[in-house]
Amino acid sequence: MVPSHMFLTRGVGVHKEKLASFELALRSAGVAYCNLVTVSSIFPPNCKIIPRKRGEALLNPGEITHCVMARSETNERNRLVSASIGLAIPTDRRTYGYLSEHHAHGETDEETGEYTEDLAAQMLATTLGIEFDSNLAWKEREQVFKMGGKIVRTLNITQSAIGKANRWTTVLALAIFIPLENLPKNMRSRR
């Protein structure tokens, strides 16, 4: 089973109970009706990224749905939490890319998002044999990666929130894989 389509989503939930906070974050992300199974970090060859609303419409309540998930939570007032998924897509779409997840406290959306993009790009770069200086800032490394011609695109989806007093705050970022059998016949051609 190699997914041919994926969408990115994010959510936040706040509740006095930790589990309910997670549930509300899943609802905010539009995937609470699925049984989520987390997988590791490979972006499948030839996989297409589709818009969230289109992806949600292709899921069925109760089905097993594979995803890469970043999750962070707090019950501390004024504590900044963030969760992010980064993606690095190779120029040659017949090869795989990388997804990365990061869960943080005290980092802004921008910091967390850049970190996950950088992490995904580094993982892909090492498999493609691209040499780089890990001490350079992300913006400098990003140029090295893209100028090498082997990494075509990086992106991230990030959610952050500030904790509330006497409440759990959960943030999520997810890459949701669409099961092949859920796709209309005209979307099933993979190559």
C-alpha atoms as a PDB file:
ATOM      1  CA  MET A   1       0.000   0.000   0.000  1.00  0.00           C
ATOM      2  CA  VAL A   2       1.708   3.176  -1.222  1.00  0.00           C
ATOM      3  CA  PRO A   3      -0.460   6.294  -0.918  1.00  0.00           C
ATOM      4  CA  SER A   4      -0.768   8.399  -4.045  1.00  0.00           C
ATOM      5  CA  HIS A   5      -2.447  11.407  -2.379  1.00  0.00           C
ATOM      6  CA  MET A   6      -1.965  13.311   0.861  1.00  0.00           C
ATOM      7  CA  PHE A   7      -3.186  16.496   2.513  1.00  0.00           C
ATOM      8  CA  LEU A   8      -1.855  18.705   5.279  1.00  0.00           C
ATOM      9  CA  THR A   9      -3.972  19.951   8.151  1.00  0.00           C
ATOM     10  CA  ARG A  10      -3.678  21.442  11.612  1.00  0.00           C
ATOM     11  CA  GLY A  11      -5.816  22.108  14.661  1.00  0.00           C
ATOM     12  CA  VAL A  12      -6.010  23.369  18.210  1.00  0.00           C
ATOM     13  CA  GLY A  13      -8.198  22.288  21.116  1.00  0.00           C
ATOM     14  CA  VAL A  14      -8.714  23.686  24.609  1.00  0.00           C
ATOM     15  CA  HIS A  15     -10.545  21.830  27.396  1.00  0.00           C
ATOM     16  CA  LYS A  16     -10.255  21.092  31.108  1.00  0.00           C
ATOM     17  CA  GLU A  17      -9.528  17.432  30.284  1.00  0.00           C
ATOM     18  CA  LYS A  18      -6.373  16.484  28.379  1.00  0.00           C
ATOM     19  CA  LEU A  19      -8.057  13.827  26.206  1.00  0.00           C
ATOM     20  CA  ALA A  20     -10.948  16.151  25.351  1.00  0.00           C
ATOM     21  CA  SER A  21      -8.431  18.817  24.365  1.00  0.00           C
ATOM     22  CA  PHE A  22      -6.834  16.336  21.952  1.00  0.00           C
ATOM     23  CA  GLU A  23     -10.255  15.400  20.556  1.00  0.00           C
ATOM     24  CA  LEU A  24     -11.097  19.068  19.959  1.00  0.00           C
ATOM     25  CA  ALA A  25      -7.768  19.564  18.179  1.00  0.00           C
ATOM     26  CA  LEU A  26      -8.588  16.575  15.929  1.00  0.00           C
ATOM     27  CA  ARG A  27     -12.002  18.099  15.197  1.00  0.00           C
ATOM     28  CA  SER A  28     -10.353  21.426  14.405  1.00  0.00           C
ATOM     29  CA  ALA A  29      -8.039  19.570  12.002  1.00  0.00           C
ATOM     30  CA  GLY A  30     -11.045  17.859  10.374  1.00  0.00           C
ATOM     31  CA  VAL A  31     -10.006  14.257  11.074  1.00  0.00           C
ATOM     32  CA  ALA A  32     -11.594  13.347  14.427  1.00  0.00           C
ATOM     33  CA  TYR A  33     -13.855  10.745  12.782  1.00  0.00           C
ATOM     34  CA  CYS A  34     -10.880   8.616  11.627  1.00  0.00           C
ATOM     35  CA  ASN A  35      -8.792   6.052  13.481  1.00  0.00           C
ATOM     36  CA  LEU A  36      -5.365   7.575  13.017  1.00  0.00           C
ATOM     37  CA  VAL A  37      -2.257   5.428  12.791  1.00  0.00           C
ATOM     38  CA  THR A  38       1.016   7.332  12.883  1.00  0.00           C
ATOM     39  CA  VAL A  39       3.758   6.339  10.490  1.00  0.00           C
ATOM     40  CA  SER A  40       7.324   7.515  10.025  1.00  0.00           C
ATOM     41  CA  SER A  41       8.666  10.122   7.673  1.00  0.00           C
ATOM     42  CA  ILE A  42       8.611   9.020   4.020  1.00  0.00           C
ATOM     43  CA  PHE A  43       6.753  11.082   1.408  1.00  0.00           C
ATOM     44  CA  PRO A  44       5.842   8.448  -1.214  1.00  0.00           C
ATOM     45  CA  PRO A  45       7.125   8.654  -4.792  1.00  0.00           C
ATOM     46  CA  ASN A  46       4.673  10.411  -7.153  1.00  0.00           C
ATOM     47  CA  CYS A  47       2.424  11.384  -4.240  1.00  0.00           C
ATOM     48  CA  LYS A  48       0.187  14.374  -4.912  1.00  0.00           C
ATOM     49  CA  ILE A  49      -0.656  16.967  -2.268  1.00  0.00           C
ATOM     50  CA  ILE A  50      -4.321  17.898  -2.415  1.00  0.00           C
ATOM     51  CA  PRO A  51      -6.269  20.638  -0.599  1.00  0.00           C
ATOM     52  CA  ARG A  52      -7.553  19.856   2.898  1.00  0.00           C
ATOM     53  CA  LYS A  53     -11.270  20.059   2.039  1.00  0.00           C
ATOM     54  CA  ARG A  54     -10.814  17.731  -0.923  1.00  0.00           C
ATOM     55  CA  GLY A  55      -8.873  15.288   1.242  1.00  0.00           C
ATOM     56  CA  GLU A  56     -11.419  15.352   4.066  1.00  0.00           C
ATOM     57  CA  ALA A  57     -14.147  14.454   1.565  1.00  0.00           C
ATOM     58  CA  LEU A  58     -12.190  11.308   0.621  1.00  0.00           C
ATOM     59  CA  LEU A  59     -12.074   9.912   4.175  1.00  0.00           C
ATOM     60  CA  ASN A  60     -14.708   7.684   5.786  1.00  0.00           C
ATOM     61  CA  PRO A  61     -15.754   7.683   9.457  1.00  0.00           C
ATOM     62  CA  GLY A  62     -14.042   4.960  11.452  1.00  0.00           C
ATOM     63  CA  GLU A  63     -11.522   3.932   8.824  1.00  0.00           C
ATOM     64  CA  ILE A  64      -7.864   3.309   9.599  1.00  0.00           C
ATOM     65  CA  THR A  65      -6.069   6.411   8.327  1.00  0.00           C
ATOM     66  CA  HIS A  66      -2.286   6.665   8.168  1.00  0.00           C
ATOM     67  CA  CYS A  67      -0.666   9.971   9.029  1.00  0.00           C
ATOM     68  CA  VAL A  68       2.452  11.719  10.206  1.00  0.00           C
ATOM     69  CA  MET A  69       1.483  13.641  13.352  1.00  0.00           C
ATOM     70  CA  ALA A  70       3.133  16.359  15.404  1.00  0.00           C
ATOM     71  CA  ARG A  71       1.407  17.022  18.738  1.00  0.00           C
ATOM     72  CA  SER A  72       2.193  19.324  21.625  1.00  0.00           C
ATOM     73  CA  GLU A  73       0.178  20.147  24.711  1.00  0.00           C
ATOM     74  CA  THR A  74       0.275  22.134  27.916  1.00  0.00           C
ATOM     75  CA  ASN A  75      -1.843  22.952  30.929  1.00  0.00           C
ATOM     76  CA  GLU A  76       0.384  25.892  31.933  1.00  0.00           C
ATOM     77  CA  ARG A  77      -1.006  29.401  31.553  1.00  0.00           C
ATOM     78  CA  ASN A  78       0.841  31.494  28.940  1.00  0.00           C
ATOM     79  CA  ARG A  79       3.004  28.565  27.788  1.00  0.00           C
ATOM     80  CA  LEU A  80       3.532  28.704  24.025  1.00  0.00           C
ATOM     81  CA  VAL A  81       3.231  25.292  22.348  1.00  0.00           C
ATOM     82  CA  SER A  82       3.657  24.452  18.695  1.00  0.00           C
ATOM     83  CA  ALA A  83       3.514  21.442  16.398  1.00  0.00           C
ATOM     84  CA  SER A  84       4.725  21.290  12.818  1.00  0.00           C
ATOM     85  CA  ILE A  85       5.102  18.965   9.848  1.00  0.00           C
ATOM     86  CA  GLY A  86       7.847  19.773   7.330  1.00  0.00           C
ATOM     87  CA  LEU A  87       8.069  18.362   3.830  1.00  0.00           C
ATOM     88  CA  ALA A  88      10.932  18.087   1.340  1.00  0.00           C
ATOM     89  CA  ILE A  89      10.028  16.980  -2.176  1.00  0.00           C
ATOM     90  CA  PRO A  90      12.709  15.717  -4.591  1.00  0.00           C
ATOM     91  CA  THR A  91      12.937  17.035  -8.140  1.00  0.00           C
ATOM     92  CA  ASP A  92      12.688  13.457  -9.420  1.00  0.00           C
ATOM     93  CA  ARG A  93       9.153  12.605  -8.271  1.00  0.00           C
ATOM     94  CA  ARG A  94       9.813   8.908  -8.936  1.00  0.00           C
ATOM     95  CA  THR A  95      11.923   8.902  -5.754  1.00  0.00           C
ATOM     96  CA  TYR A  96      10.699   9.461  -2.231  1.00  0.00           C
ATOM     97  CA  GLY A  97      10.836  12.625  -0.168  1.00  0.00           C
ATOM     98  CA  TYR A  98      10.752  13.255   3.565  1.00  0.00           C
ATOM     99  CA  LEU A  99       8.254  14.432   6.131  1.00  0.00           C
ATOM    100  CA  SER A 100       9.458  15.602   9.522  1.00  0.00           C
ATOM    101  CA  GLU A 101       7.569  16.373  12.704  1.00  0.00           C
ATOM    102  CA  HIS A 102       8.504  18.664  15.554  1.00  0.00           C
ATOM    103  CA  HIS A 103       6.765  19.404  18.845  1.00  0.00           C
ATOM    104  CA  ALA A 104       7.947  22.443  20.758  1.00  0.00           C
ATOM    105  CA  HIS A 105       7.471  24.715  23.755  1.00  0.00           C
ATOM    106  CA  GLY A 106       8.383  28.394  23.526  1.00  0.00           C
ATOM    107  CA  GLU A 107       8.852  28.492  19.729  1.00  0.00           C
ATOM    108  CA  THR A 108       6.852  30.665  17.348  1.00  0.00           C
ATOM    109  CA  ASP A 109       5.092  29.343  14.247  1.00  0.00           C
ATOM    110  CA  GLU A 110       7.930  30.648  12.106  1.00  0.00           C
ATOM    111  CA  GLU A 111      10.692  29.061  14.221  1.00  0.00           C
ATOM    112  CA  THR A 112       8.954  25.698  14.433  1.00  0.00           C
ATOM    113  CA  GLY A 113       7.987  25.699  10.741  1.00  0.00           C
ATOM    114  CA  GLU A 114      11.474  26.578   9.539  1.00  0.00           C
ATOM    115  CA  TYR A 115      12.944  23.889  11.787  1.00  0.00           C
ATOM    116  CA  THR A 116      10.700  21.163  10.330  1.00  0.00           C
ATOM    117  CA  GLU A 117      11.377  22.259   6.744  1.00  0.00           C
ATOM    118  CA  ASP A 118      15.101  22.248   7.451  1.00  0.00           C
ATOM    119  CA  LEU A 119      14.931  18.832   9.103  1.00  0.00           C
ATOM    120  CA  ALA A 120      13.010  17.289   6.190  1.00  0.00           C
ATOM    121  CA  ALA A 121      15.401  18.878   3.676  1.00  0.00           C
ATOM    122  CA  GLN A 122      18.444  17.618   5.599  1.00  0.00           C
ATOM    123  CA  MET A 123      17.081  14.056   5.679  1.00  0.00           C
ATOM    124  CA  LEU A 124      16.380  14.165   1.949  1.00  0.00           C
ATOM    125  CA  ALA A 125      19.725  15.814   1.151  1.00  0.00           C
ATOM    126  CA  THR A 126      21.672  13.089   2.944  1.00  0.00           C
ATOM    127  CA  THR A 127      19.903  10.345   0.964  1.00  0.00           C
ATOM    128  CA  LEU A 128      20.535  12.211  -2.313  1.00  0.00           C
ATOM    129  CA  GLY A 129      24.224  12.748  -1.556  1.00  0.00           C
ATOM    130  CA  ILE A 130      23.992  16.542  -1.349  1.00  0.00           C
ATOM    131  CA  GLU A 131      26.817  17.940   0.757  1.00  0.00           C
ATOM    132  CA  PHE A 132      25.994  20.831   3.061  1.00  0.00           C
ATOM    133  CA  ASP A 133      27.288  22.645   6.109  1.00  0.00           C
ATOM    134  CA  SER A 134      24.968  21.873   9.029  1.00  0.00           C
ATOM    135  CA  ASN A 135      26.238  25.011  10.799  1.00  0.00           C
ATOM    136  CA  LEU A 136      24.697  27.341   8.198  1.00  0.00           C
ATOM    137  CA  ALA A 137      21.351  28.989   8.922  1.00  0.00           C
ATOM    138  CA  TRP A 138      18.279  27.354   7.341  1.00  0.00           C
ATOM    139  CA  LYS A 139      17.838  30.086   4.718  1.00  0.00           C
ATOM    140  CA  GLU A 140      21.429  29.577   3.527  1.00  0.00           C
ATOM    141  CA  ARG A 141      21.117  25.764   3.533  1.00  0.00           C
ATOM    142  CA  GLU A 142      17.779  26.035   1.707  1.00  0.00           C
ATOM    143  CA  GLN A 143      19.534  27.794  -1.168  1.00  0.00           C
ATOM    144  CA  VAL A 144      22.271  25.122  -1.272  1.00  0.00           C
ATOM    145  CA  PHE A 145      19.639  22.359  -1.355  1.00  0.00           C
ATOM    146  CA  LYS A 146      17.545  23.960  -4.102  1.00  0.00           C
ATOM    147  CA  MET A 147      20.502  25.091  -6.223  1.00  0.00           C
ATOM    148  CA  GLY A 148      21.766  21.506  -6.237  1.00  0.00           C
ATOM    149  CA  GLY A 149      18.728  20.723  -8.398  1.00  0.00           C
ATOM    150  CA  LYS A 150      17.729  17.600  -6.489  1.00  0.00           C
ATOM    151  CA  ILE A 151      15.259  19.144  -4.033  1.00  0.00           C
ATOM    152  CA  VAL A 152      12.483  21.056  -5.732  1.00  0.00           C
ATOM    153  CA  ARG A 153      10.283  22.197  -2.864  1.00  0.00           C
ATOM    154  CA  THR A 154      10.050  22.450   0.905  1.00  0.00           C
ATOM    155  CA  LEU A 155       7.056  23.507   2.941  1.00  0.00           C
ATOM    156  CA  ASN A 156       5.531  23.188   6.385  1.00  0.00           C
ATOM    157  CA  ILE A 157       2.224  23.325   8.206  1.00  0.00           C
ATOM    158  CA  THR A 158       2.408  24.597  11.765  1.00  0.00           C
ATOM    159  CA  GLN A 159      -0.018  25.240  14.603  1.00  0.00           C
ATOM    160  CA  SER A 160       0.765  27.091  17.806  1.00  0.00           C
ATOM    161  CA  ALA A 161      -1.271  28.304  20.766  1.00  0.00           C
ATOM    162  CA  ILE A 162      -0.788  29.845  24.182  1.00  0.00           C
ATOM    163  CA  GLY A 163      -1.857  27.770  27.177  1.00  0.00           C
ATOM    164  CA  LYS A 164      -4.833  28.832  29.297  1.00  0.00           C
ATOM    165  CA  ALA A 165      -5.165  28.684  33.074  1.00  0.00           C
ATOM    166  CA  ASN A 166      -6.799  25.462  34.319  1.00  0.00           C
ATOM    167  CA  ARG A 167      -7.211  24.141  30.790  1.00  0.00           C
ATOM    168  CA  TRP A 168      -5.321  21.777  28.521  1.00  0.00           C
ATOM    169  CA  THR A 169      -4.270  23.215  25.176  1.00  0.00           C
ATOM    170  CA  THR A 170      -3.346  20.768  22.397  1.00  0.00           C
ATOM    171  CA  VAL A 171      -1.932  21.710  19.002  1.00  0.00           C
ATOM    172  CA  LEU A 172      -1.609  19.325  16.062  1.00  0.00           C
ATOM    173  CA  ALA A 173      -0.079  19.335  12.611  1.00  0.00           C
ATOM    174  CA  LEU A 174      -0.753  16.350  10.371  1.00  0.00           C
ATOM    175  CA  ALA A 175       0.037  14.886   6.977  1.00  0.00           C
ATOM    176  CA  ILE A 176      -2.921  12.619   6.140  1.00  0.00           C
ATOM    177  CA  PHE A 177      -2.513   9.839   3.569  1.00  0.00           C
ATOM    178  CA  ILE A 178      -5.573   8.964   1.494  1.00  0.00           C
ATOM    179  CA  PRO A 179      -6.197   5.233   1.044  1.00  0.00           C
ATOM    180  CA  LEU A 180      -6.069   4.304  -2.650  1.00  0.00           C
ATOM    181  CA  GLU A 181      -9.483   2.623  -2.504  1.00  0.00           C
ATOM    182  CA  ASN A 182     -11.026   5.946  -1.366  1.00  0.00           C
ATOM    183  CA  LEU A 183      -9.991   7.751  -4.529  1.00  0.00           C
ATOM    184  CA  PRO A 184     -12.386   8.161  -7.452  1.00  0.00           C
ATOM    185  CA  LYS A 185     -11.323   6.039 -10.443  1.00  0.00           C
ATOM    186  CA  ASN A 186     -10.099   9.110 -12.340  1.00  0.00           C
ATOM    187  CA  MET A 187      -7.630   9.886  -9.498  1.00  0.00           C
ATOM    188  CA  ARG A 188      -6.241   6.348  -9.188  1.00  0.00           C
ATOM    189  CA  SER A 189      -3.716   6.503 -12.011  1.00  0.00           C
ATOM    190  CA  ARG A 190      -0.428   6.953 -10.188  1.00  0.00           C
ATOM    191  CA  ARG A 191       2.165   7.313 -12.907  1.00  0.00           C
END
